[in-house]
């Protein structure tokens, strides 16, 4: 292929990928497959019922009832269809808010989130920490382990501002750690990294 530019002329060689794409188009055209038909075939079919949609959403990860209700509302299912589908999915064990809260709290604890942030995020999903047996000690969020988590968080991504202790304190607060622990750990961390 020869390309002419305003200032200079360039000889461009077609890439193998472009040649491959052209060959595919030629084959599709010879077989009578058009781009519109190809697009129609690629689109996933809309779930027939709200329950089918819940099953499809639950294949990727566990979800709570509030997430599913919000999602089904956005997809224009009626309130009656949504409530019936949620009841059916809860009764067959597909959706379980207690299981979701447990998995969510454990994963966020491993991500070094503090207990306040985990509680706040669960409340956004209409869930409570009362659903969790052994909260917060069983989730690695007791006082001693919480201090270790906070120190590990600061060591993973250390603050880079001039006032390292204040920056570390703010980071721990935004991650949901209690003020007393954030203060103690940020002070300890700043003294260790002087």
N, C-alpha and C. Protein backbone atom coordinates (compact mmCIF):
# COMPACT_ATOMS: atom_id res chain seq x y z
N UNK A 1 0.86 -1.17 0.00
CA UNK A 1 0.00 0.00 0.00
C UNK A 1 0.90 1.23 0.00
N UNK A 2 0.58 2.19 -0.80
CA UNK A 2 1.37 3.40 -0.94
C UNK A 2 0.56 4.57 -0.40
N UNK A 3 1.12 5.32 0.58
CA UNK A 3 0.41 6.43 1.22
C UNK A 3 1.16 7.72 0.93
N UNK A 4 0.42 8.73 0.52
CA UNK A 4 1.02 10.03 0.23
C UNK A 4 0.66 10.98 1.35
N UNK A 5 1.65 11.59 1.95
CA UNK A 5 1.47 12.56 3.02
C UNK A 5 1.80 13.93 2.47
N UNK A 6 1.43 15.01 3.17
CA UNK A 6 1.68 16.36 2.69
C UNK A 6 3.17 16.63 2.46
N UNK A 7 4.02 16.18 3.34
CA UNK A 7 5.44 16.49 3.25
C UNK A 7 6.27 15.36 2.65
N UNK A 8 5.82 14.13 2.80
CA UNK A 8 6.63 13.02 2.33
C UNK A 8 5.74 11.86 1.94
N UNK A 9 6.30 10.95 1.20
CA UNK A 9 5.59 9.77 0.75
C UNK A 9 6.09 8.57 1.53
N UNK A 10 5.17 7.72 1.96
CA UNK A 10 5.53 6.58 2.78
C UNK A 10 4.98 5.32 2.15
N UNK A 11 5.77 4.28 2.10
CA UNK A 11 5.33 2.98 1.63
C UNK A 11 5.01 2.15 2.87
N UNK A 12 3.73 1.84 3.06
CA UNK A 12 3.29 1.11 4.24
C UNK A 12 2.96 -0.32 3.85
N UNK A 13 3.48 -1.26 4.58
CA UNK A 13 3.20 -2.67 4.34
C UNK A 13 2.01 -3.06 5.19
N UNK A 14 1.07 -3.77 4.59
CA UNK A 14 -0.11 -4.21 5.33
C UNK A 14 0.30 -5.23 6.38
N UNK A 15 -0.25 -5.07 7.57
CA UNK A 15 0.06 -6.03 8.62
C UNK A 15 -0.69 -7.33 8.38
N UNK A 16 -0.18 -8.38 8.97
CA UNK A 16 -0.82 -9.68 8.80
C UNK A 16 -2.23 -9.66 9.40
N UNK A 17 -2.45 -8.86 10.44
CA UNK A 17 -3.77 -8.77 11.05
C UNK A 17 -4.77 -8.16 10.08
N UNK A 18 -4.35 -7.10 9.37
CA UNK A 18 -5.24 -6.47 8.40
C UNK A 18 -5.58 -7.44 7.27
N UNK A 19 -4.59 -8.20 6.82
CA UNK A 19 -4.82 -9.20 5.77
C UNK A 19 -5.80 -10.25 6.27
N UNK A 20 -5.62 -10.69 7.53
CA UNK A 20 -6.51 -11.68 8.15
C UNK A 20 -7.94 -11.16 8.20
N UNK A 21 -8.13 -9.89 8.59
CA UNK A 21 -9.46 -9.29 8.65
C UNK A 21 -10.10 -9.23 7.26
N UNK A 22 -9.31 -8.88 6.26
CA UNK A 22 -9.84 -8.83 4.90
C UNK A 22 -10.29 -10.21 4.44
N UNK A 23 -9.52 -11.22 4.74
CA UNK A 23 -9.87 -12.59 4.35
C UNK A 23 -11.17 -13.02 5.01
N UNK A 24 -11.34 -12.69 6.28
CA UNK A 24 -12.57 -13.04 6.99
C UNK A 24 -13.77 -12.36 6.33
N UNK A 25 -13.62 -11.07 5.99
CA UNK A 25 -14.71 -10.35 5.34
C UNK A 25 -15.05 -10.97 3.99
N UNK A 26 -14.02 -11.36 3.25
CA UNK A 26 -14.26 -12.00 1.95
C UNK A 26 -15.02 -13.31 2.11
N UNK A 27 -14.63 -14.11 3.10
CA UNK A 27 -15.30 -15.39 3.35
C UNK A 27 -16.74 -15.15 3.77
N UNK A 28 -16.95 -14.19 4.68
CA UNK A 28 -18.31 -13.90 5.14
C UNK A 28 -19.19 -13.41 3.99
N UNK A 29 -18.63 -12.55 3.16
CA UNK A 29 -19.40 -12.04 2.02
C UNK A 29 -19.72 -13.15 1.03
N UNK A 30 -18.78 -14.06 0.82
CA UNK A 30 -19.02 -15.16 -0.12
C UNK A 30 -20.08 -16.13 0.40
N UNK A 31 -20.17 -16.24 1.75
CA UNK A 31 -21.16 -17.14 2.34
C UNK A 31 -22.48 -16.42 2.62
N UNK A 32 -22.54 -15.13 2.35
CA UNK A 32 -23.78 -14.39 2.54
C UNK A 32 -24.00 -13.90 3.96
N UNK A 33 -22.94 -13.88 4.77
CA UNK A 33 -23.06 -13.37 6.14
C UNK A 33 -22.76 -11.88 6.11
N UNK A 34 -23.71 -11.08 6.56
CA UNK A 34 -23.54 -9.65 6.56
C UNK A 34 -23.25 -9.16 7.97
N UNK A 35 -22.74 -7.95 8.06
CA UNK A 35 -22.37 -7.38 9.35
C UNK A 35 -23.56 -7.27 10.30
N UNK A 36 -24.76 -6.93 9.76
CA UNK A 36 -25.94 -6.79 10.63
C UNK A 36 -26.32 -8.12 11.24
N UNK A 37 -26.26 -9.18 10.45
CA UNK A 37 -26.59 -10.51 10.98
C UNK A 37 -25.57 -10.93 12.02
N UNK A 38 -24.32 -10.57 11.78
CA UNK A 38 -23.26 -10.92 12.72
C UNK A 38 -23.49 -10.23 14.07
N UNK A 39 -23.89 -8.94 14.03
CA UNK A 39 -24.15 -8.20 15.26
C UNK A 39 -25.33 -8.79 16.02
N UNK A 40 -26.38 -9.19 15.28
CA UNK A 40 -27.54 -9.78 15.93
C UNK A 40 -27.18 -11.07 16.63
N UNK A 41 -26.34 -11.86 16.02
CA UNK A 41 -25.94 -13.14 16.59
C UNK A 41 -25.07 -12.94 17.83
N UNK A 42 -24.30 -11.86 17.88
CA UNK A 42 -23.39 -11.62 18.99
C UNK A 42 -24.10 -11.11 20.24
N UNK A 43 -25.27 -10.48 20.08
CA UNK A 43 -25.98 -9.94 21.24
C UNK A 43 -26.56 -11.07 22.08
N UNK A 44 -26.35 -10.99 23.42
CA UNK A 44 -26.96 -12.02 24.26
C UNK A 44 -28.47 -11.84 24.32
N UNK A 45 -29.15 -12.93 24.42
CA UNK A 45 -30.61 -12.88 24.50
C UNK A 45 -31.02 -12.36 25.86
N UNK A 46 -32.07 -11.55 25.89
CA UNK A 46 -32.59 -11.04 27.14
C UNK A 46 -33.27 -12.18 27.88
N UNK A 47 -33.04 -12.24 29.19
CA UNK A 47 -33.65 -13.29 30.00
C UNK A 47 -35.17 -13.16 29.91
N UNK A 48 -35.82 -14.29 29.84
CA UNK A 48 -37.28 -14.28 29.70
C UNK A 48 -37.95 -13.85 30.99
N UNK A 49 -37.43 -14.29 32.11
CA UNK A 49 -38.05 -13.96 33.39
C UNK A 49 -37.02 -13.33 34.32
N UNK A 50 -37.52 -12.71 35.37
CA UNK A 50 -36.63 -12.11 36.36
C UNK A 50 -35.81 -13.18 37.07
N UNK A 51 -36.39 -14.33 37.31
CA UNK A 51 -35.65 -15.41 37.95
C UNK A 51 -34.50 -15.89 37.06
N UNK A 52 -34.75 -15.99 35.75
CA UNK A 52 -33.67 -16.38 34.83
C UNK A 52 -32.53 -15.37 34.89
N UNK A 53 -32.88 -14.10 35.00
CA UNK A 53 -31.85 -13.06 35.09
C UNK A 53 -31.06 -13.18 36.39
N UNK A 54 -31.73 -13.52 37.48
CA UNK A 54 -31.03 -13.71 38.75
C UNK A 54 -30.06 -14.88 38.64
N UNK A 55 -30.51 -15.95 38.02
CA UNK A 55 -29.63 -17.12 37.83
C UNK A 55 -28.41 -16.71 37.02
N UNK A 56 -28.63 -15.97 35.96
CA UNK A 56 -27.51 -15.55 35.11
C UNK A 56 -26.55 -14.61 35.86
N UNK A 57 -27.08 -13.70 36.67
CA UNK A 57 -26.23 -12.79 37.46
C UNK A 57 -25.47 -13.53 38.55
N UNK A 58 -26.07 -14.57 39.10
CA UNK A 58 -25.45 -15.30 40.19
C UNK A 58 -24.35 -16.25 39.72
N UNK A 59 -24.24 -16.44 38.43
CA UNK A 59 -23.19 -17.31 37.91
C UNK A 59 -21.80 -16.71 38.09
N UNK A 60 -21.72 -15.38 38.07
CA UNK A 60 -20.42 -14.73 38.15
C UNK A 60 -19.94 -14.53 39.57
N UNK A 61 -20.84 -14.17 40.48
CA UNK A 61 -20.47 -13.98 41.89
C UNK A 61 -21.73 -13.98 42.74
N UNK A 62 -21.54 -14.14 44.05
CA UNK A 62 -22.65 -14.13 44.98
C UNK A 62 -23.18 -12.69 45.10
N UNK A 63 -24.48 -12.54 45.20
CA UNK A 63 -25.09 -11.21 45.28
C UNK A 63 -26.13 -11.18 46.40
N UNK A 64 -26.36 -9.98 46.93
CA UNK A 64 -27.39 -9.84 47.96
C UNK A 64 -28.70 -9.44 47.29
N UNK A 65 -29.78 -9.50 48.06
CA UNK A 65 -31.10 -9.23 47.50
C UNK A 65 -31.23 -7.79 47.01
N UNK A 66 -30.64 -6.84 47.73
CA UNK A 66 -30.74 -5.43 47.31
C UNK A 66 -30.07 -5.21 45.97
N UNK A 67 -28.89 -5.76 45.77
CA UNK A 67 -28.20 -5.63 44.48
C UNK A 67 -29.06 -6.19 43.35
N UNK A 68 -29.65 -7.35 43.59
CA UNK A 68 -30.48 -7.99 42.56
C UNK A 68 -31.74 -7.18 42.28
N UNK A 69 -32.38 -6.68 43.34
CA UNK A 69 -33.58 -5.86 43.15
C UNK A 69 -33.26 -4.62 42.32
N UNK A 70 -32.16 -3.94 42.66
CA UNK A 70 -31.78 -2.73 41.93
C UNK A 70 -31.48 -3.05 40.47
N UNK A 71 -30.78 -4.14 40.25
CA UNK A 71 -30.42 -4.53 38.88
C UNK A 71 -31.65 -4.86 38.05
N UNK A 72 -32.59 -5.61 38.65
CA UNK A 72 -33.80 -5.98 37.93
C UNK A 72 -34.68 -4.76 37.65
N UNK A 73 -34.70 -3.80 38.56
CA UNK A 73 -35.46 -2.56 38.32
C UNK A 73 -34.87 -1.80 37.13
N UNK A 74 -33.53 -1.74 37.07
CA UNK A 74 -32.88 -1.06 35.94
C UNK A 74 -33.18 -1.75 34.61
N UNK A 75 -33.44 -3.04 34.67
CA UNK A 75 -33.74 -3.79 33.46
C UNK A 75 -35.24 -3.86 33.18
N UNK A 76 -36.01 -3.03 33.86
CA UNK A 76 -37.44 -2.83 33.61
C UNK A 76 -38.33 -4.04 33.88
N UNK A 77 -38.01 -4.80 34.90
CA UNK A 77 -38.93 -5.84 35.35
C UNK A 77 -39.92 -5.19 36.32
N UNK A 78 -41.13 -5.72 36.39
CA UNK A 78 -42.14 -5.14 37.28
C UNK A 78 -41.82 -5.51 38.73
N UNK A 79 -42.38 -4.74 39.66
CA UNK A 79 -42.14 -4.99 41.08
C UNK A 79 -42.64 -6.37 41.49
N UNK A 80 -43.75 -6.80 40.92
CA UNK A 80 -44.29 -8.11 41.23
C UNK A 80 -43.34 -9.21 40.76
N UNK A 81 -42.85 -9.09 39.53
CA UNK A 81 -41.89 -10.07 39.01
C UNK A 81 -40.63 -10.12 39.86
N UNK A 82 -40.16 -8.95 40.27
CA UNK A 82 -38.94 -8.87 41.08
C UNK A 82 -39.13 -9.56 42.41
N UNK A 83 -40.24 -9.24 43.12
CA UNK A 83 -40.45 -9.83 44.44
C UNK A 83 -40.63 -11.34 44.35
N UNK A 84 -41.35 -11.81 43.35
CA UNK A 84 -41.54 -13.26 43.19
C UNK A 84 -40.22 -13.96 42.87
N UNK A 85 -39.41 -13.36 42.02
CA UNK A 85 -38.13 -13.95 41.64
C UNK A 85 -37.17 -13.98 42.83
N UNK A 86 -37.17 -12.90 43.62
CA UNK A 86 -36.30 -12.85 44.80
C UNK A 86 -36.72 -13.91 45.80
N UNK A 87 -38.04 -14.02 46.06
CA UNK A 87 -38.53 -15.05 46.99
C UNK A 87 -38.16 -16.44 46.52
N UNK A 88 -38.32 -16.70 45.25
CA UNK A 88 -37.99 -18.02 44.71
C UNK A 88 -36.48 -18.30 44.84
N UNK A 89 -35.65 -17.31 44.53
CA UNK A 89 -34.21 -17.52 44.61
C UNK A 89 -33.72 -17.69 46.05
N UNK A 90 -34.38 -17.01 46.99
CA UNK A 90 -34.02 -17.18 48.40
C UNK A 90 -34.46 -18.56 48.89
N UNK A 91 -35.67 -18.98 48.50
CA UNK A 91 -36.19 -20.27 48.97
C UNK A 91 -35.38 -21.45 48.42
N UNK A 92 -34.81 -21.32 47.23
CA UNK A 92 -34.01 -22.43 46.69
C UNK A 92 -32.53 -22.31 47.07
N UNK A 93 -32.14 -21.24 47.78
CA UNK A 93 -30.77 -21.10 48.27
C UNK A 93 -29.82 -20.43 47.30
N UNK A 94 -30.33 -19.94 46.20
CA UNK A 94 -29.47 -19.26 45.23
C UNK A 94 -28.98 -17.92 45.78
N UNK A 95 -29.84 -17.24 46.50
CA UNK A 95 -29.50 -15.96 47.11
C UNK A 95 -29.63 -16.11 48.62
N UNK A 96 -28.57 -15.73 49.33
CA UNK A 96 -28.56 -15.81 50.78
C UNK A 96 -27.79 -14.60 51.31
N UNK A 97 -28.50 -13.69 51.96
CA UNK A 97 -27.86 -12.46 52.44
C UNK A 97 -26.82 -12.73 53.52
N UNK A 98 -27.05 -13.71 54.35
CA UNK A 98 -26.08 -14.03 55.40
C UNK A 98 -24.78 -14.55 54.77
N UNK A 99 -24.91 -15.42 53.79
CA UNK A 99 -23.72 -15.96 53.10
C UNK A 99 -22.99 -14.83 52.38
N UNK A 100 -23.75 -13.94 51.72
CA UNK A 100 -23.14 -12.82 51.02
C UNK A 100 -22.38 -11.92 51.99
N UNK A 101 -23.00 -11.58 53.12
CA UNK A 101 -22.36 -10.71 54.11
C UNK A 101 -21.08 -11.34 54.65
N UNK A 102 -21.11 -12.65 54.89
CA UNK A 102 -19.93 -13.35 55.38
C UNK A 102 -18.79 -13.29 54.37
N UNK A 103 -19.09 -13.62 53.12
CA UNK A 103 -18.06 -13.61 52.07
C UNK A 103 -17.53 -12.19 51.85
N UNK A 104 -18.43 -11.23 51.84
CA UNK A 104 -18.05 -9.84 51.61
C UNK A 104 -17.13 -9.34 52.72
N UNK A 105 -17.51 -9.58 53.98
CA UNK A 105 -16.72 -9.11 55.11
C UNK A 105 -15.34 -9.78 55.14
N UNK A 106 -15.28 -11.06 54.85
CA UNK A 106 -13.98 -11.76 54.84
C UNK A 106 -13.09 -11.24 53.71
N UNK A 107 -13.65 -11.03 52.55
CA UNK A 107 -12.82 -10.56 51.44
C UNK A 107 -12.31 -9.14 51.69
N UNK A 108 -13.14 -8.28 52.24
CA UNK A 108 -12.71 -6.91 52.52
C UNK A 108 -11.73 -6.85 53.69
N UNK A 109 -11.88 -7.76 54.62
CA UNK A 109 -10.92 -7.84 55.72
C UNK A 109 -9.55 -8.24 55.18
N UNK A 110 -9.53 -9.19 54.24
CA UNK A 110 -8.26 -9.59 53.62
C UNK A 110 -7.67 -8.46 52.79
N UNK A 111 -8.52 -7.58 52.29
CA UNK A 111 -8.05 -6.41 51.53
C UNK A 111 -7.64 -5.27 52.46
N UNK A 112 -7.60 -5.56 53.76
CA UNK A 112 -7.17 -4.63 54.80
C UNK A 112 -8.10 -3.44 55.01
N UNK A 113 -9.38 -3.64 54.75
CA UNK A 113 -10.36 -2.63 55.10
C UNK A 113 -10.60 -2.68 56.60
N UNK A 114 -10.93 -1.54 57.18
CA UNK A 114 -11.25 -1.48 58.59
C UNK A 114 -12.71 -1.85 58.84
N UNK A 115 -13.05 -2.09 60.11
CA UNK A 115 -14.42 -2.53 60.42
C UNK A 115 -15.49 -1.49 60.11
N UNK A 116 -15.18 -0.21 60.26
CA UNK A 116 -16.19 0.82 60.01
C UNK A 116 -16.57 0.87 58.53
N UNK A 117 -15.60 0.74 57.66
CA UNK A 117 -15.88 0.76 56.22
C UNK A 117 -16.68 -0.47 55.81
N UNK A 118 -16.33 -1.61 56.36
CA UNK A 118 -17.08 -2.83 56.03
C UNK A 118 -18.52 -2.70 56.49
N UNK A 119 -18.72 -2.19 57.70
CA UNK A 119 -20.09 -1.99 58.22
C UNK A 119 -20.87 -1.02 57.32
N UNK A 120 -20.22 0.07 56.93
CA UNK A 120 -20.89 1.08 56.09
C UNK A 120 -21.29 0.49 54.73
N UNK A 121 -20.41 -0.30 54.13
CA UNK A 121 -20.72 -0.90 52.84
C UNK A 121 -21.82 -1.96 52.95
N UNK A 122 -21.84 -2.68 54.05
CA UNK A 122 -22.93 -3.65 54.26
C UNK A 122 -24.26 -2.92 54.45
N UNK A 123 -24.26 -1.79 55.15
CA UNK A 123 -25.49 -1.01 55.34
C UNK A 123 -26.03 -0.49 54.01
N UNK A 124 -25.13 -0.15 53.08
CA UNK A 124 -25.58 0.29 51.75
C UNK A 124 -26.36 -0.80 51.04
N UNK A 125 -26.08 -2.04 51.41
CA UNK A 125 -26.75 -3.20 50.80
C UNK A 125 -27.88 -3.73 51.68
N UNK A 126 -28.33 -2.91 52.62
CA UNK A 126 -29.39 -3.27 53.58
C UNK A 126 -29.03 -4.51 54.39
N UNK A 127 -27.77 -4.66 54.73
CA UNK A 127 -27.31 -5.78 55.55
C UNK A 127 -26.70 -5.22 56.83
N UNK A 128 -26.61 -6.07 57.82
CA UNK A 128 -26.08 -5.64 59.11
C UNK A 128 -24.99 -6.61 59.57
N UNK A 129 -24.10 -6.09 60.41
CA UNK A 129 -23.05 -6.97 60.93
C UNK A 129 -23.62 -7.98 61.93
N UNK A 130 -24.85 -7.78 62.37
CA UNK A 130 -25.48 -8.77 63.25
C UNK A 130 -25.69 -10.11 62.53
N UNK A 131 -25.70 -10.10 61.21
CA UNK A 131 -25.80 -11.34 60.44
C UNK A 131 -24.53 -12.18 60.56
N UNK A 132 -23.44 -11.53 60.93
CA UNK A 132 -22.14 -12.20 60.95
C UNK A 132 -21.86 -12.78 62.33
N UNK A 133 -21.68 -14.09 62.39
CA UNK A 133 -21.34 -14.75 63.66
C UNK A 133 -19.88 -14.46 63.99
N UNK A 134 -19.64 -13.97 65.19
CA UNK A 134 -18.27 -13.72 65.64
C UNK A 134 -17.67 -12.42 65.14
N UNK A 135 -18.52 -11.49 64.72
CA UNK A 135 -18.01 -10.20 64.27
C UNK A 135 -17.47 -9.42 65.44
N UNK A 136 -16.36 -8.79 65.42
CA UNK A 136 -15.35 -8.67 64.37
C UNK A 136 -14.16 -9.62 64.56
N UNK A 137 -14.10 -10.32 65.69
CA UNK A 137 -12.91 -11.14 65.99
C UNK A 137 -12.70 -12.28 64.99
N UNK A 138 -13.76 -12.95 64.58
CA UNK A 138 -13.65 -14.07 63.64
C UNK A 138 -13.22 -13.63 62.25
N UNK A 139 -13.30 -12.35 61.98
CA UNK A 139 -12.96 -11.81 60.67
C UNK A 139 -11.59 -11.13 60.67
N UNK A 140 -10.81 -11.37 61.70
CA UNK A 140 -9.47 -10.79 61.79
C UNK A 140 -9.50 -9.31 62.07
N UNK A 141 -10.55 -8.85 62.75
CA UNK A 141 -10.68 -7.42 63.02
C UNK A 141 -10.76 -7.12 64.51
N UNK A 142 -10.20 -8.02 65.34
CA UNK A 142 -10.08 -7.74 66.77
C UNK A 142 -9.00 -6.68 66.96
N UNK A 143 -8.85 -6.14 68.18
CA UNK A 143 -7.90 -5.04 68.40
C UNK A 143 -6.47 -5.38 67.99
N UNK A 144 -5.96 -6.55 68.41
CA UNK A 144 -4.57 -6.89 68.09
C UNK A 144 -4.37 -7.10 66.59
N UNK A 145 -5.24 -7.88 65.99
CA UNK A 145 -5.08 -8.13 64.55
C UNK A 145 -5.39 -6.87 63.74
N UNK A 146 -6.24 -6.00 64.26
CA UNK A 146 -6.55 -4.76 63.57
C UNK A 146 -5.31 -3.86 63.49
N UNK A 147 -4.54 -3.84 64.55
CA UNK A 147 -3.29 -3.07 64.55
C UNK A 147 -2.31 -3.63 63.52
N UNK A 148 -2.23 -4.96 63.44
CA UNK A 148 -1.35 -5.60 62.46
C UNK A 148 -1.80 -5.28 61.04
N UNK A 149 -3.11 -5.32 60.81
CA UNK A 149 -3.65 -5.00 59.49
C UNK A 149 -3.33 -3.56 59.11
N UNK A 150 -3.49 -2.65 60.06
CA UNK A 150 -3.24 -1.24 59.79
C UNK A 150 -1.77 -1.01 59.44
N UNK A 151 -0.88 -1.64 60.19
CA UNK A 151 0.55 -1.51 59.92
C UNK A 151 0.91 -2.11 58.55
N UNK A 152 0.31 -3.25 58.23
CA UNK A 152 0.55 -3.87 56.93
C UNK A 152 0.05 -2.97 55.80
N UNK A 153 -1.09 -2.33 56.00
CA UNK A 153 -1.63 -1.42 54.99
C UNK A 153 -0.67 -0.27 54.73
N UNK A 154 -0.12 0.30 55.79
CA UNK A 154 0.82 1.42 55.63
C UNK A 154 2.13 0.96 55.00
N UNK A 155 2.55 -0.26 55.28
CA UNK A 155 3.79 -0.76 54.69
C UNK A 155 3.62 -1.10 53.21
N UNK A 156 2.41 -1.52 52.81
CA UNK A 156 2.17 -1.83 51.41
C UNK A 156 2.25 -0.59 50.54
N UNK A 157 1.55 0.45 50.99
CA UNK A 157 1.55 1.71 50.25
C UNK A 157 1.85 2.85 51.22
N UNK A 158 3.11 3.10 51.46
CA UNK A 158 3.45 4.15 52.43
C UNK A 158 3.06 5.54 51.96
N UNK A 159 2.61 6.37 52.87
CA UNK A 159 2.29 7.76 52.52
C UNK A 159 3.55 8.49 52.07
N UNK A 160 3.39 9.43 51.15
CA UNK A 160 4.56 10.12 50.60
C UNK A 160 4.55 11.63 50.89
N UNK A 161 3.66 12.10 51.74
CA UNK A 161 3.61 13.53 52.01
C UNK A 161 4.72 13.92 53.00
N UNK A 162 4.86 15.23 53.17
CA UNK A 162 5.90 15.72 54.09
C UNK A 162 5.63 15.28 55.52
N UNK A 163 4.38 15.36 55.92
CA UNK A 163 4.01 14.93 57.27
C UNK A 163 3.48 13.50 57.18
N UNK A 164 4.38 12.54 57.27
CA UNK A 164 4.04 11.14 57.06
C UNK A 164 3.06 10.62 58.10
N UNK A 165 3.20 11.05 59.34
CA UNK A 165 2.30 10.55 60.39
C UNK A 165 0.86 11.01 60.15
N UNK A 166 0.69 12.27 59.80
CA UNK A 166 -0.67 12.78 59.55
C UNK A 166 -1.27 12.10 58.32
N UNK A 167 -0.46 11.90 57.32
CA UNK A 167 -0.94 11.24 56.11
C UNK A 167 -1.32 9.79 56.40
N UNK A 168 -0.52 9.10 57.18
CA UNK A 168 -0.82 7.71 57.55
C UNK A 168 -2.11 7.66 58.38
N UNK A 169 -2.27 8.61 59.28
CA UNK A 169 -3.48 8.68 60.11
C UNK A 169 -4.73 8.85 59.24
N UNK A 170 -4.66 9.78 58.28
CA UNK A 170 -5.80 10.01 57.39
C UNK A 170 -6.12 8.77 56.56
N UNK A 171 -5.08 8.11 56.06
CA UNK A 171 -5.30 6.91 55.25
C UNK A 171 -6.02 5.83 56.05
N UNK A 172 -5.59 5.63 57.29
CA UNK A 172 -6.22 4.60 58.12
C UNK A 172 -7.67 4.97 58.45
N UNK A 173 -7.93 6.24 58.68
CA UNK A 173 -9.31 6.66 58.94
C UNK A 173 -10.20 6.44 57.73
N UNK A 174 -9.69 6.76 56.54
CA UNK A 174 -10.50 6.58 55.34
C UNK A 174 -10.72 5.11 55.02
N UNK A 175 -9.84 4.25 55.47
CA UNK A 175 -10.01 2.81 55.26
C UNK A 175 -10.92 2.18 56.32
N UNK A 176 -11.37 2.97 57.29
CA UNK A 176 -12.35 2.48 58.25
C UNK A 176 -11.80 1.99 59.57
N UNK A 177 -10.60 2.40 59.93
CA UNK A 177 -10.03 2.00 61.22
C UNK A 177 -10.47 2.97 62.31
N UNK A 178 -10.64 2.49 63.54
CA UNK A 178 -11.01 3.39 64.65
C UNK A 178 -9.92 4.44 64.89
N UNK A 179 -10.33 5.60 65.41
CA UNK A 179 -9.39 6.71 65.61
C UNK A 179 -8.22 6.33 66.52
N UNK A 180 -8.52 5.65 67.61
CA UNK A 180 -7.45 5.32 68.56
C UNK A 180 -6.40 4.41 67.92
N UNK A 181 -6.85 3.43 67.17
CA UNK A 181 -5.92 2.52 66.51
C UNK A 181 -5.17 3.25 65.40
N UNK A 182 -5.88 4.09 64.64
CA UNK A 182 -5.24 4.85 63.57
C UNK A 182 -4.15 5.77 64.13
N UNK A 183 -4.42 6.40 65.26
CA UNK A 183 -3.44 7.29 65.87
C UNK A 183 -2.22 6.50 66.34
N UNK A 184 -2.45 5.42 67.08
CA UNK A 184 -1.33 4.63 67.61
C UNK A 184 -0.47 4.04 66.49
N UNK A 185 -1.11 3.46 65.52
CA UNK A 185 -0.37 2.79 64.45
C UNK A 185 0.35 3.80 63.56
N UNK A 186 -0.28 4.93 63.26
CA UNK A 186 0.39 5.94 62.43
C UNK A 186 1.60 6.51 63.15
N UNK A 187 1.50 6.69 64.45
CA UNK A 187 2.64 7.18 65.24
C UNK A 187 3.76 6.16 65.23
N UNK A 188 3.42 4.90 65.45
CA UNK A 188 4.40 3.81 65.45
C UNK A 188 5.06 3.70 64.07
N UNK A 189 4.25 3.76 63.02
CA UNK A 189 4.78 3.64 61.67
C UNK A 189 5.73 4.79 61.33
N UNK A 190 5.36 6.02 61.73
CA UNK A 190 6.19 7.19 61.45
C UNK A 190 7.52 7.09 62.18
N UNK A 191 7.51 6.58 63.43
CA UNK A 191 8.75 6.42 64.19
C UNK A 191 9.64 5.34 63.57
N UNK A 192 9.04 4.28 63.05
CA UNK A 192 9.82 3.20 62.43
C UNK A 192 10.46 3.64 61.12
N UNK A 193 9.85 4.58 60.43
CA UNK A 193 10.33 4.98 59.10
C UNK A 193 11.03 6.33 59.08
N UNK A 194 11.62 6.71 60.16
CA UNK A 194 12.37 7.98 60.20
C UNK A 194 13.78 7.78 59.74
